[in-house]
Full PDB file with SEQRES, HELIX, SHEET, SSBOND, CRYST1, ORIGX, SCALE, CONECT and MASTER records, all heavy atoms in Angstrom:
SEQRES   1 A   37  HIS ASN HIS ALA GLU GLU ALA ALA LEU ALA LYS LEU ALA          
SEQRES   2 A   37  GLY ARG ASP LEU ASP LEU SER GLY ALA THR ILE TYR THR          
SEQRES   3 A   37  SER LEU GLU PRO CYS THR MET ARG LYS SER ARG                  
HELIX    1 AA1 ALA A    4  ALA A   10  1                                   7    
CRYST1    1.000    1.000    1.000  90.00  90.00  90.00 P 1           1          
ORIGX1      1.000000  0.000000  0.000000        0.00000                         
ORIGX2      0.000000  1.000000  0.000000        0.00000                         
ORIGX3      0.000000  0.000000  1.000000        0.00000                         
SCALE1      1.000000  0.000000  0.000000        0.00000                         
SCALE2      0.000000  1.000000  0.000000        0.00000                         
SCALE3      0.000000  0.000000  1.000000        0.00000                         
ATOM      1  N   HIS A   1      43.475  27.867  13.820  1.00  0.00           N  
ATOM      2  CA  HIS A   1      43.243  29.255  13.473  1.00  0.00           C  
ATOM      3  C   HIS A   1      42.840  30.008  14.684  1.00  0.00           C  
ATOM      4  O   HIS A   1      42.719  31.272  14.544  1.00  0.00           O  
ATOM      5  CB  HIS A   1      42.235  29.361  12.380  1.00  0.00           C  
ATOM      6  CG  HIS A   1      42.742  28.764  11.143  1.00  0.00           C  
ATOM      7  ND1 HIS A   1      43.687  29.205  10.373  1.00  0.00           N  
ATOM      8  CD2 HIS A   1      42.229  27.644  10.494  1.00  0.00           C  
ATOM      9  CE1 HIS A   1      43.887  28.424   9.257  1.00  0.00           C  
ATOM     10  NE2 HIS A   1      42.986  27.453   9.337  1.00  0.00           N  
ATOM     11  N   ASN A   2      42.618  29.422  15.859  1.00  0.00           N  
ATOM     12  CA  ASN A   2      42.109  30.196  17.060  1.00  0.00           C  
ATOM     13  C   ASN A   2      43.301  31.066  17.542  1.00  0.00           C  
ATOM     14  O   ASN A   2      44.496  30.649  17.695  1.00  0.00           O  
ATOM     15  CB  ASN A   2      41.679  29.283  18.162  1.00  0.00           C  
ATOM     16  CG  ASN A   2      40.372  28.711  17.926  1.00  0.00           C  
ATOM     17  OD1 ASN A   2      39.534  29.292  17.088  1.00  0.00           O  
ATOM     18  ND2 ASN A   2      39.999  27.690  18.640  1.00  0.00           N  
ATOM     19  N   HIS A   3      42.998  32.347  17.897  1.00  0.00           N  
ATOM     20  CA  HIS A   3      43.815  33.246  18.514  1.00  0.00           C  
ATOM     21  C   HIS A   3      43.536  32.972  20.122  1.00  0.00           C  
ATOM     22  O   HIS A   3      42.471  32.599  20.409  1.00  0.00           O  
ATOM     23  CB  HIS A   3      43.658  34.708  18.186  1.00  0.00           C  
ATOM     24  CG  HIS A   3      44.183  34.977  16.840  1.00  0.00           C  
ATOM     25  ND1 HIS A   3      44.307  36.263  16.372  1.00  0.00           N  
ATOM     26  CD2 HIS A   3      44.542  34.229  15.830  1.00  0.00           C  
ATOM     27  CE1 HIS A   3      44.792  36.311  15.236  1.00  0.00           C  
ATOM     28  NE2 HIS A   3      44.910  34.995  14.837  1.00  0.00           N  
ATOM     29  N   ALA A   4      44.542  33.488  20.868  1.00  0.00           N  
ATOM     30  CA  ALA A   4      44.325  33.187  22.358  1.00  0.00           C  
ATOM     31  C   ALA A   4      43.144  33.828  23.019  1.00  0.00           C  
ATOM     32  O   ALA A   4      42.347  33.138  23.747  1.00  0.00           O  
ATOM     33  CB  ALA A   4      45.614  33.653  23.077  1.00  0.00           C  
ATOM     34  N   GLU A   5      42.902  35.161  22.539  1.00  0.00           N  
ATOM     35  CA  GLU A   5      41.850  35.867  23.140  1.00  0.00           C  
ATOM     36  C   GLU A   5      40.523  35.251  22.636  1.00  0.00           C  
ATOM     37  O   GLU A   5      39.524  35.107  23.476  1.00  0.00           O  
ATOM     38  CB  GLU A   5      41.870  37.372  22.702  1.00  0.00           C  
ATOM     39  CG  GLU A   5      43.117  38.086  23.129  1.00  0.00           C  
ATOM     40  CD  GLU A   5      44.215  38.028  22.111  1.00  0.00           C  
ATOM     41  OE1 GLU A   5      44.307  37.072  21.234  1.00  0.00           O  
ATOM     42  OE2 GLU A   5      45.184  38.875  22.188  1.00  0.00           O  
ATOM     43  N   GLU A   6      40.478  34.889  21.415  1.00  0.00           N  
ATOM     44  CA  GLU A   6      39.350  34.247  20.892  1.00  0.00           C  
ATOM     45  C   GLU A   6      38.958  32.890  21.458  1.00  0.00           C  
ATOM     46  O   GLU A   6      37.772  32.675  21.842  1.00  0.00           O  
ATOM     47  CB  GLU A   6      39.564  33.912  19.245  1.00  0.00           C  
ATOM     48  CG  GLU A   6      38.572  33.224  18.516  1.00  0.00           C  
ATOM     49  CD  GLU A   6      38.992  32.891  17.145  1.00  0.00           C  
ATOM     50  OE1 GLU A   6      40.230  32.777  16.863  1.00  0.00           O  
ATOM     51  OE2 GLU A   6      38.139  32.871  16.306  1.00  0.00           O  
ATOM     52  N   ALA A   7      39.965  32.126  21.868  1.00  0.00           N  
ATOM     53  CA  ALA A   7      39.841  30.824  22.486  1.00  0.00           C  
ATOM     54  C   ALA A   7      39.228  31.081  23.903  1.00  0.00           C  
ATOM     55  O   ALA A   7      38.319  30.316  24.367  1.00  0.00           O  
ATOM     56  CB  ALA A   7      41.016  30.097  22.541  1.00  0.00           C  
ATOM     57  N   ALA A   8      39.758  32.088  24.583  1.00  0.00           N  
ATOM     58  CA  ALA A   8      39.322  32.416  25.906  1.00  0.00           C  
ATOM     59  C   ALA A   8      37.860  32.725  25.917  1.00  0.00           C  
ATOM     60  O   ALA A   8      37.044  32.359  26.726  1.00  0.00           O  
ATOM     61  CB  ALA A   8      40.183  33.318  26.656  1.00  0.00           C  
ATOM     62  N   LEU A   9      37.583  33.770  25.101  1.00  0.00           N  
ATOM     63  CA  LEU A   9      36.234  34.347  25.054  1.00  0.00           C  
ATOM     64  C   LEU A   9      35.167  33.304  24.601  1.00  0.00           C  
ATOM     65  O   LEU A   9      34.100  33.399  25.032  1.00  0.00           O  
ATOM     66  CB  LEU A   9      36.181  35.512  23.994  1.00  0.00           C  
ATOM     67  CG  LEU A   9      36.922  36.801  24.603  1.00  0.00           C  
ATOM     68  CD1 LEU A   9      37.040  37.697  23.336  1.00  0.00           C  
ATOM     69  CD2 LEU A   9      36.035  37.424  25.554  1.00  0.00           C  
ATOM     70  N   ALA A  10      35.547  32.356  23.702  1.00  0.00           N  
ATOM     71  CA  ALA A  10      34.629  31.254  23.333  1.00  0.00           C  
ATOM     72  C   ALA A  10      34.147  30.456  24.559  1.00  0.00           C  
ATOM     73  O   ALA A  10      33.051  29.941  24.498  1.00  0.00           O  
ATOM     74  CB  ALA A  10      35.227  30.399  22.235  1.00  0.00           C  
ATOM     75  N   LYS A  11      34.996  30.354  25.455  1.00  0.00           N  
ATOM     76  CA  LYS A  11      34.626  29.540  26.685  1.00  0.00           C  
ATOM     77  C   LYS A  11      33.560  30.254  27.543  1.00  0.00           C  
ATOM     78  O   LYS A  11      32.983  29.671  28.424  1.00  0.00           O  
ATOM     79  CB  LYS A  11      35.857  29.223  27.591  1.00  0.00           C  
ATOM     80  CG  LYS A  11      36.865  28.348  26.868  1.00  0.00           C  
ATOM     81  CD  LYS A  11      38.128  28.253  27.576  1.00  0.00           C  
ATOM     82  CE  LYS A  11      39.156  27.351  26.661  1.00  0.00           C  
ATOM     83  NZ  LYS A  11      40.504  27.367  27.337  1.00  0.00           N  
ATOM     84  N   LEU A  12      33.397  31.575  27.275  1.00  0.00           N  
ATOM     85  CA  LEU A  12      32.517  32.257  28.042  1.00  0.00           C  
ATOM     86  C   LEU A  12      31.161  32.450  27.267  1.00  0.00           C  
ATOM     87  O   LEU A  12      30.071  33.000  27.816  1.00  0.00           O  
ATOM     88  CB  LEU A  12      32.971  33.790  28.386  1.00  0.00           C  
ATOM     89  CG  LEU A  12      34.272  33.712  29.180  1.00  0.00           C  
ATOM     90  CD1 LEU A  12      34.647  35.174  29.496  1.00  0.00           C  
ATOM     91  CD2 LEU A  12      34.115  32.944  30.553  1.00  0.00           C  
ATOM     92  N   ALA A  13      31.068  32.029  26.058  1.00  0.00           N  
ATOM     93  CA  ALA A  13      29.870  32.206  25.175  1.00  0.00           C  
ATOM     94  C   ALA A  13      28.712  31.606  25.877  1.00  0.00           C  
ATOM     95  O   ALA A  13      28.799  30.451  26.337  1.00  0.00           O  
ATOM     96  CB  ALA A  13      30.152  31.607  23.792  1.00  0.00           C  
ATOM     97  N   GLY A  14      27.518  32.282  25.754  1.00  0.00           N  
ATOM     98  CA  GLY A  14      26.291  31.723  26.388  1.00  0.00           C  
ATOM     99  C   GLY A  14      26.203  31.728  27.804  1.00  0.00           C  
ATOM    100  O   GLY A  14      25.219  31.358  28.359  1.00  0.00           O  
ATOM    101  N   ARG A  15      27.137  32.292  28.546  1.00  0.00           N  
ATOM    102  CA  ARG A  15      27.084  32.333  30.043  1.00  0.00           C  
ATOM    103  C   ARG A  15      26.457  33.630  30.477  1.00  0.00           C  
ATOM    104  O   ARG A  15      26.218  33.808  31.641  1.00  0.00           O  
ATOM    105  CB  ARG A  15      28.430  32.202  30.635  1.00  0.00           C  
ATOM    106  CG  ARG A  15      28.919  30.748  30.390  1.00  0.00           C  
ATOM    107  CD  ARG A  15      30.283  30.519  30.962  1.00  0.00           C  
ATOM    108  NE  ARG A  15      30.403  30.944  32.397  1.00  0.00           N  
ATOM    109  CZ  ARG A  15      31.600  30.886  33.037  1.00  0.00           C  
ATOM    110  NH1 ARG A  15      32.704  30.557  32.415  1.00  0.00           N  
ATOM    111  NH2 ARG A  15      31.680  31.251  34.268  1.00  0.00           N  
ATOM    112  N   ASP A  16      26.062  34.589  29.614  1.00  0.00           N  
ATOM    113  CA  ASP A  16      25.314  35.778  30.008  1.00  0.00           C  
ATOM    114  C   ASP A  16      26.029  36.542  31.155  1.00  0.00           C  
ATOM    115  O   ASP A  16      25.374  36.883  32.130  1.00  0.00           O  
ATOM    116  CB  ASP A  16      23.887  35.479  30.362  1.00  0.00           C  
ATOM    117  CG  ASP A  16      23.061  36.822  30.295  1.00  0.00           C  
ATOM    118  OD1 ASP A  16      23.357  37.707  29.544  1.00  0.00           O  
ATOM    119  OD2 ASP A  16      22.113  36.824  31.069  1.00  0.00           O  
ATOM    120  N   LEU A  17      27.379  36.816  30.998  1.00  0.00           N  
ATOM    121  CA  LEU A  17      28.141  37.522  31.980  1.00  0.00           C  
ATOM    122  C   LEU A  17      28.332  38.933  31.661  1.00  0.00           C  
ATOM    123  O   LEU A  17      28.403  39.235  30.607  1.00  0.00           O  
ATOM    124  CB  LEU A  17      29.488  36.809  32.099  1.00  0.00           C  
ATOM    125  CG  LEU A  17      29.568  35.398  32.557  1.00  0.00           C  
ATOM    126  CD1 LEU A  17      31.049  34.852  32.309  1.00  0.00           C  
ATOM    127  CD2 LEU A  17      29.190  35.169  33.983  1.00  0.00           C  
ATOM    128  N   ASP A  18      28.197  39.771  32.693  1.00  0.00           N  
ATOM    129  CA  ASP A  18      28.550  41.186  32.565  1.00  0.00           C  
ATOM    130  C   ASP A  18      30.127  41.244  32.704  1.00  0.00           C  
ATOM    131  O   ASP A  18      30.591  41.119  33.769  1.00  0.00           O  
ATOM    132  CB  ASP A  18      27.833  42.061  33.630  1.00  0.00           C  
ATOM    133  CG  ASP A  18      28.216  43.457  33.580  1.00  0.00           C  
ATOM    134  OD1 ASP A  18      29.088  43.905  32.704  1.00  0.00           O  
ATOM    135  OD2 ASP A  18      27.816  44.225  34.478  1.00  0.00           O  
ATOM    136  N   LEU A  19      30.645  41.520  31.616  1.00  0.00           N  
ATOM    137  CA  LEU A  19      32.163  41.595  31.593  1.00  0.00           C  
ATOM    138  C   LEU A  19      32.688  43.019  31.623  1.00  0.00           C  
ATOM    139  O   LEU A  19      33.977  43.230  31.406  1.00  0.00           O  
ATOM    140  CB  LEU A  19      32.729  40.890  30.284  1.00  0.00           C  
ATOM    141  CG  LEU A  19      32.423  39.340  30.201  1.00  0.00           C  
ATOM    142  CD1 LEU A  19      32.788  38.752  28.957  1.00  0.00           C  
ATOM    143  CD2 LEU A  19      33.007  38.580  31.342  1.00  0.00           C  
ATOM    144  N   SER A  20      31.945  43.945  31.935  1.00  0.00           N  
ATOM    145  CA  SER A  20      32.423  45.416  31.984  1.00  0.00           C  
ATOM    146  C   SER A  20      33.454  45.640  33.017  1.00  0.00           C  
ATOM    147  O   SER A  20      34.339  46.523  32.899  1.00  0.00           O  
ATOM    148  CB  SER A  20      31.168  46.307  32.170  1.00  0.00           C  
ATOM    149  OG  SER A  20      30.604  46.071  33.446  1.00  0.00           O  
ATOM    150  N   GLY A  21      33.491  44.768  34.081  1.00  0.00           N  
ATOM    151  CA  GLY A  21      34.525  44.820  35.141  1.00  0.00           C  
ATOM    152  C   GLY A  21      35.630  43.823  34.928  1.00  0.00           C  
ATOM    153  O   GLY A  21      36.523  43.806  35.817  1.00  0.00           O  
ATOM    154  N   ALA A  22      35.547  43.091  33.810  1.00  0.00           N  
ATOM    155  CA  ALA A  22      36.522  42.032  33.551  1.00  0.00           C  
ATOM    156  C   ALA A  22      37.792  42.572  32.991  1.00  0.00           C  
ATOM    157  O   ALA A  22      37.835  43.671  32.386  1.00  0.00           O  
ATOM    158  CB  ALA A  22      35.967  40.984  32.694  1.00  0.00           C  
ATOM    159  N   THR A  23      38.860  41.881  33.101  1.00  0.00           N  
ATOM    160  CA  THR A  23      40.245  42.191  32.490  1.00  0.00           C  
ATOM    161  C   THR A  23      40.506  40.997  31.647  1.00  0.00           C  
ATOM    162  O   THR A  23      40.474  39.782  32.105  1.00  0.00           O  
ATOM    163  CB  THR A  23      41.228  42.507  33.480  1.00  0.00           C  
ATOM    164  OG1 THR A  23      40.822  43.522  34.325  1.00  0.00           O  
ATOM    165  CG2 THR A  23      42.539  42.670  32.964  1.00  0.00           C  
ATOM    166  N   ILE A  24      41.106  41.264  30.500  1.00  0.00           N  
ATOM    167  CA  ILE A  24      41.721  40.164  29.703  1.00  0.00           C  
ATOM    168  C   ILE A  24      43.207  40.446  29.679  1.00  0.00           C  
ATOM    169  O   ILE A  24      43.618  41.615  29.388  1.00  0.00           O  
ATOM    170  CB  ILE A  24      41.162  40.034  28.299  1.00  0.00           C  
ATOM    171  CG1 ILE A  24      41.798  38.751  27.579  1.00  0.00           C  
ATOM    172  CG2 ILE A  24      41.257  41.267  27.461  1.00  0.00           C  
ATOM    173  CD1 ILE A  24      41.059  38.330  26.344  1.00  0.00           C  
ATOM    174  N   TYR A  25      44.101  39.534  30.202  1.00  0.00           N  
ATOM    175  CA  TYR A  25      45.405  39.617  30.177  1.00  0.00           C  
ATOM    176  C   TYR A  25      45.910  38.853  28.941  1.00  0.00           C  
ATOM    177  O   TYR A  25      45.615  37.703  28.766  1.00  0.00           O  
ATOM    178  CB  TYR A  25      46.030  38.950  31.436  1.00  0.00           C  
ATOM    179  CG  TYR A  25      45.621  39.730  32.649  1.00  0.00           C  
ATOM    180  CD1 TYR A  25      44.468  39.392  33.319  1.00  0.00           C  
ATOM    181  CD2 TYR A  25      46.336  40.776  33.129  1.00  0.00           C  
ATOM    182  CE1 TYR A  25      44.092  40.047  34.496  1.00  0.00           C  
ATOM    183  CE2 TYR A  25      45.984  41.572  34.219  1.00  0.00           C  
ATOM    184  CZ  TYR A  25      44.842  41.088  35.002  1.00  0.00           C  
ATOM    185  OH  TYR A  25      44.457  41.838  36.060  1.00  0.00           O  
ATOM    186  N   THR A  26      46.705  39.528  28.007  1.00  0.00           N  
ATOM    187  CA  THR A  26      47.107  38.824  26.840  1.00  0.00           C  
ATOM    188  C   THR A  26      48.633  39.173  26.587  1.00  0.00           C  
ATOM    189  O   THR A  26      49.027  40.350  26.795  1.00  0.00           O  
ATOM    190  CB  THR A  26      46.276  39.259  25.649  1.00  0.00           C  
ATOM    191  OG1 THR A  26      46.788  38.627  24.423  1.00  0.00           O  
ATOM    192  CG2 THR A  26      46.217  40.691  25.426  1.00  0.00           C  
ATOM    193  N   SER A  27      49.365  38.222  26.288  1.00  0.00           N  
ATOM    194  CA  SER A  27      50.839  38.354  26.098  1.00  0.00           C  
ATOM    195  C   SER A  27      51.102  39.266  25.009  1.00  0.00           C  
ATOM    196  O   SER A  27      52.197  40.063  25.042  1.00  0.00           O  
ATOM    197  CB  SER A  27      51.507  37.058  26.023  1.00  0.00           C  
ATOM    198  OG  SER A  27      51.030  36.226  24.913  1.00  0.00           O  
ATOM    199  N   LEU A  28      50.315  39.402  23.991  1.00  0.00           N  
ATOM    200  CA  LEU A  28      50.624  40.135  22.828  1.00  0.00           C  
ATOM    201  C   LEU A  28      49.361  41.009  22.445  1.00  0.00           C  
ATOM    202  O   LEU A  28      48.154  40.575  22.697  1.00  0.00           O  
ATOM    203  CB  LEU A  28      50.829  39.259  21.653  1.00  0.00           C  
ATOM    204  CG  LEU A  28      51.470  39.860  20.368  1.00  0.00           C  
ATOM    205  CD1 LEU A  28      52.863  40.415  20.602  1.00  0.00           C  
ATOM    206  CD2 LEU A  28      51.460  38.917  19.268  1.00  0.00           C  
ATOM    207  N   GLU A  29      49.527  42.225  22.001  1.00  0.00           N  
ATOM    208  CA  GLU A  29      48.457  43.087  21.579  1.00  0.00           C  
ATOM    209  C   GLU A  29      47.376  42.453  20.752  1.00  0.00           C  
ATOM    210  O   GLU A  29      47.746  41.737  19.819  1.00  0.00           O  
ATOM    211  CB  GLU A  29      49.087  44.273  20.809  1.00  0.00           C  
ATOM    212  CG  GLU A  29      48.158  45.339  20.322  1.00  0.00           C  
ATOM    213  CD  GLU A  29      48.843  46.410  19.515  1.00  0.00           C  
ATOM    214  OE1 GLU A  29      49.943  46.094  19.047  1.00  0.00           O  
ATOM    215  OE2 GLU A  29      48.225  47.482  19.396  1.00  0.00           O  
ATOM    216  N   PRO A  30      46.072  42.514  21.178  1.00  0.00           N  
ATOM    217  CA  PRO A  30      45.072  41.916  20.364  1.00  0.00           C  
ATOM    218  C   PRO A  30      45.051  42.435  18.894  1.00  0.00           C  
ATOM    219  O   PRO A  30      45.340  43.586  18.616  1.00  0.00           O  
ATOM    220  CB  PRO A  30      43.834  42.359  21.056  1.00  0.00           C  
ATOM    221  CG  PRO A  30      44.142  42.644  22.444  1.00  0.00           C  
ATOM    222  CD  PRO A  30      45.622  43.187  22.356  1.00  0.00           C  
ATOM    223  N   CYS A  31      44.803  41.411  17.936  1.00  0.00           N  
ATOM    224  CA  CYS A  31      44.961  41.712  16.535  1.00  0.00           C  
ATOM    225  C   CYS A  31      43.863  42.654  16.092  1.00  0.00           C  
ATOM    226  O   CYS A  31      42.743  42.690  16.639  1.00  0.00           O  
ATOM    227  CB  CYS A  31      44.932  40.407  15.705  1.00  0.00           C  
ATOM    228  SG  CYS A  31      43.301  39.582  15.729  1.00  0.00           S  
ATOM    229  N   THR A  32      44.202  43.289  15.017  1.00  0.00           N  
ATOM    230  CA  THR A  32      43.194  44.180  14.264  1.00  0.00           C  
ATOM    231  C   THR A  32      42.976  43.767  12.751  1.00  0.00           C  
ATOM    232  O   THR A  32      42.356  44.496  12.092  1.00  0.00           O  
ATOM    233  CB  THR A  32      43.595  45.673  14.340  1.00  0.00           C  
ATOM    234  OG1 THR A  32      44.859  45.856  13.804  1.00  0.00           O  
ATOM    235  CG2 THR A  32      43.463  46.161  15.832  1.00  0.00           C  
ATOM    236  N   MET A  33      43.635  42.635  12.492  1.00  0.00           N  
ATOM    237  CA  MET A  33      43.482  42.111  11.072  1.00  0.00           C  
ATOM    238  C   MET A  33      43.634  40.707  11.097  1.00  0.00           C  
ATOM    239  O   MET A  33      44.463  40.111  11.860  1.00  0.00           O  
ATOM    240  CB  MET A  33      44.697  42.706  10.208  1.00  0.00           C  
ATOM    241  CG  MET A  33      44.660  42.215   8.784  1.00  0.00           C  
ATOM    242  SD  MET A  33      46.120  42.764   7.898  1.00  0.00           S  
ATOM    243  CE  MET A  33      45.387  44.282   7.293  1.00  0.00           C  
ATOM    244  N   ARG A  34      42.800  39.895  10.296  1.00  0.00           N  
ATOM    245  CA  ARG A  34      42.774  38.461  10.359  1.00  0.00           C  
ATOM    246  C   ARG A  34      42.571  38.053   8.933  1.00  0.00           C  
ATOM    247  O   ARG A  34      41.718  38.550   8.119  1.00  0.00           O  
ATOM    248  CB  ARG A  34      41.757  37.864  11.210  1.00  0.00           C  
ATOM    249  CG  ARG A  34      42.063  38.217  12.655  1.00  0.00           C  
ATOM    250  CD  ARG A  34      41.564  37.255  13.702  1.00  0.00           C  
ATOM    251  NE  ARG A  34      41.830  35.873  13.526  1.00  0.00           N  
ATOM    252  CZ  ARG A  34      41.294  35.037  14.348  1.00  0.00           C  
ATOM    253  NH1 ARG A  34      40.512  35.357  15.300  1.00  0.00           N  
ATOM    254  NH2 ARG A  34      41.524  33.644  14.275  1.00  0.00           N  
ATOM    255  N   LYS A  35      43.168  36.916   8.523  1.00  0.00           N  
ATOM    256  CA  LYS A  35      42.930  36.226   7.291  1.00  0.00           C  
ATOM    257  C   LYS A  35      42.008  35.013   7.454  1.00  0.00           C  
ATOM    258  O   LYS A  35      41.265  34.765   6.638  1.00  0.00           O  
ATOM    259  CB  LYS A  35      44.281  35.725   6.650  1.00  0.00           C  
ATOM    260  CG  LYS A  35      45.209  36.841   6.279  1.00  0.00           C  
ATOM    261  CD  LYS A  35      46.396  36.209   5.545  1.00  0.00           C  
ATOM    262  CE  LYS A  35      47.318  37.429   5.183  1.00  0.00           C  
ATOM    263  NZ  LYS A  35      48.586  36.833   4.758  1.00  0.00           N  
ATOM    264  N   SER A  36      42.026  34.499   8.710  1.00  0.00           N  
ATOM    265  CA  SER A  36      41.352  33.224   8.908  1.00  0.00           C  
ATOM    266  C   SER A  36      39.900  33.359   9.445  1.00  0.00           C  
ATOM    267  O   SER A  36      39.155  32.426   9.458  1.00  0.00           O  
ATOM    268  CB  SER A  36      42.111  32.265   9.876  1.00  0.00           C  
ATOM    269  OG  SER A  36      42.378  32.943  11.044  1.00  0.00           O  
ATOM    270  N   ARG A  37      39.519  34.525   9.969  1.00  0.00           N  
ATOM    271  CA  ARG A  37      38.265  34.743  10.525  1.00  0.00           C  
ATOM    272  C   ARG A  37      37.694  36.132  10.262  1.00  0.00           C  
ATOM    273  O   ARG A  37      38.547  37.119  10.063  1.00  0.00           O  
ATOM    274  CB  ARG A  37      38.407  34.636  12.172  1.00  0.00           C  
ATOM    275  CG  ARG A  37      38.895  33.279  12.739  1.00  0.00           C  
ATOM    276  CD  ARG A  37      37.698  32.289  12.980  1.00  0.00           C  
ATOM    277  NE  ARG A  37      38.052  31.322  13.777  1.00  0.00           N  
ATOM    278  CZ  ARG A  37      38.643  30.213  13.518  1.00  0.00           C  
ATOM    279  NH1 ARG A  37      39.030  29.924  12.269  1.00  0.00           N  
ATOM    280  NH2 ARG A  37      38.874  29.370  14.474  1.00  0.00           N  
TER     281      ARG A  37                                                      
MASTER        0    0    0    1    0    0    0    6  280    1    0    3          
END                                                                             
């Protein structure tokens, strides 16, 4: 059920990073509706 962006973000959990200057590159537009989460 993991989406790509979700899987990548989960790897950063708990690292207390300032992501304001970060970029996420995603092959497809991030979702705005989910059934599984």
